[in-house]
Amino acid sequence: MYYLVIKNLGIEKCINVNEEDIYINNNSYNCQQSFPLIKKVFVRKIKINCTGFPESVLNAKIYKD
């Protein structure tokens, strides 16, 4: 599984989980979602947009288990 993680107010939060590495720069995700955070292997950093805040650009990290 792959985990998309953002940092909000200093706390890391998993906002998306997928069986495949589908995450690329500038995609939009619902940043309000929360999934269990599993940080076994760091994959890479990307920049994403939040669907509720179209002007936002956030740094995100991808992990896999």
C-alpha atoms as a PDB file:
ATOM      1  CA  MET A   1       0.000   0.000   0.000  1.00  0.00           C
ATOM      2  CA  TYR A   2       1.043   3.591  -0.650  1.00  0.00           C
ATOM      3  CA  TYR A   3       0.212   6.439   1.733  1.00  0.00           C
ATOM      4  CA  LEU A   4      -0.081  10.135   0.875  1.00  0.00           C
ATOM      5  CA  VAL A   5       0.896  12.225   3.901  1.00  0.00           C
ATOM      6  CA  ILE A   6       0.672  15.965   4.577  1.00  0.00           C
ATOM      7  CA  LYS A   7       1.712  17.994   7.591  1.00  0.00           C
ATOM      8  CA  ASN A   8      -1.035  20.151   9.105  1.00  0.00           C
ATOM      9  CA  LEU A   9      -0.275  22.358  12.112  1.00  0.00           C
ATOM     10  CA  GLY A  10       2.867  20.337  12.737  1.00  0.00           C
ATOM     11  CA  ILE A  11       1.074  16.973  12.738  1.00  0.00           C
ATOM     12  CA  GLU A  12       1.493  14.461   9.927  1.00  0.00           C
ATOM     13  CA  LYS A  13      -1.761  13.107   8.536  1.00  0.00           C
ATOM     14  CA  CYS A  14      -2.460  10.456   5.898  1.00  0.00           C
ATOM     15  CA  ILE A  15      -5.068  11.763   3.437  1.00  0.00           C
ATOM     16  CA  ASN A  16      -5.081   9.003   0.822  1.00  0.00           C
ATOM     17  CA  VAL A  17      -4.213   5.315   0.522  1.00  0.00           C
ATOM     18  CA  ASN A  18      -3.858   3.258  -2.645  1.00  0.00           C
ATOM     19  CA  GLU A  19      -2.507  -0.162  -3.609  1.00  0.00           C
ATOM     20  CA  GLU A  20      -0.491   1.415  -6.440  1.00  0.00           C
ATOM     21  CA  ASP A  21       1.797   4.448  -6.553  1.00  0.00           C
ATOM     22  CA  ILE A  22      -0.600   6.797  -8.363  1.00  0.00           C
ATOM     23  CA  TYR A  23       0.648  10.027  -6.790  1.00  0.00           C
ATOM     24  CA  ILE A  24       2.076  12.775  -9.018  1.00  0.00           C
ATOM     25  CA  ASN A  25       2.724  16.494  -8.664  1.00  0.00           C
ATOM     26  CA  ASN A  26      -0.175  18.947  -8.931  1.00  0.00           C
ATOM     27  CA  ASN A  27      -2.966  16.391  -8.471  1.00  0.00           C
ATOM     28  CA  SER A  28      -5.884  17.386  -6.231  1.00  0.00           C
ATOM     29  CA  TYR A  29      -6.866  15.435  -3.122  1.00  0.00           C
ATOM     30  CA  ASN A  30      -9.399  15.816  -0.340  1.00  0.00           C
ATOM     31  CA  CYS A  31      -7.148  17.025   2.478  1.00  0.00           C
ATOM     32  CA  GLN A  32      -9.948  16.625   5.035  1.00  0.00           C
ATOM     33  CA  GLN A  33      -9.751  12.815   4.929  1.00  0.00           C
ATOM     34  CA  SER A  34      -7.793  10.866   7.503  1.00  0.00           C
ATOM     35  CA  PHE A  35      -6.446   7.322   7.247  1.00  0.00           C
ATOM     36  CA  PRO A  36      -4.149   5.351   9.557  1.00  0.00           C
ATOM     37  CA  LEU A  37      -0.600   6.599   9.074  1.00  0.00           C
ATOM     38  CA  ILE A  38       1.972   3.952   8.216  1.00  0.00           C
ATOM     39  CA  LYS A  39       5.488   5.245   7.519  1.00  0.00           C
ATOM     40  CA  LYS A  40       7.646   2.231   6.784  1.00  0.00           C
ATOM     41  CA  VAL A  41       9.518   3.226   3.626  1.00  0.00           C
ATOM     42  CA  PHE A  42       9.805   6.797   2.340  1.00  0.00           C
ATOM     43  CA  VAL A  43       9.224   6.972  -1.442  1.00  0.00           C
ATOM     44  CA  ARG A  44       9.376  10.663  -2.445  1.00  0.00           C
ATOM     45  CA  LYS A  45       8.040  14.205  -1.945  1.00  0.00           C
ATOM     46  CA  ILE A  46       5.479  15.851  -4.228  1.00  0.00           C
ATOM     47  CA  LYS A  47       3.341  19.013  -4.314  1.00  0.00           C
ATOM     48  CA  ILE A  48      -0.454  18.620  -4.245  1.00  0.00           C
ATOM     49  CA  ASN A  49      -3.591  20.755  -4.233  1.00  0.00           C
ATOM     50  CA  CYS A  50      -6.479  20.398  -1.784  1.00  0.00           C
ATOM     51  CA  THR A  51      -9.948  20.131  -3.365  1.00  0.00           C
ATOM     52  CA  GLY A  52     -11.547  22.438  -0.784  1.00  0.00           C
ATOM     53  CA  PHE A  53      -8.860  25.099  -1.274  1.00  0.00           C
ATOM     54  CA  PRO A  54      -8.107  25.372  -5.003  1.00  0.00           C
ATOM     55  CA  GLU A  55      -5.326  27.957  -4.568  1.00  0.00           C
ATOM     56  CA  SER A  56      -3.436  25.861  -2.029  1.00  0.00           C
ATOM     57  CA  VAL A  57      -0.217  24.046  -2.850  1.00  0.00           C
ATOM     58  CA  LEU A  58       1.029  21.682  -0.161  1.00  0.00           C
ATOM     59  CA  ASN A  59       4.141  19.600   0.215  1.00  0.00           C
ATOM     60  CA  ALA A  60       3.278  15.948   0.618  1.00  0.00           C
ATOM     61  CA  LYS A  61       5.255  12.765   1.245  1.00  0.00           C
ATOM     62  CA  ILE A  62       4.570   9.287  -0.054  1.00  0.00           C
ATOM     63  CA  TYR A  63       5.328   6.211   2.035  1.00  0.00           C
ATOM     64  CA  LYS A  64       4.814   2.524   1.385  1.00  0.00           C
ATOM     65  CA  ASP A  65       4.599  -0.510   3.614  1.00  0.00           C
END
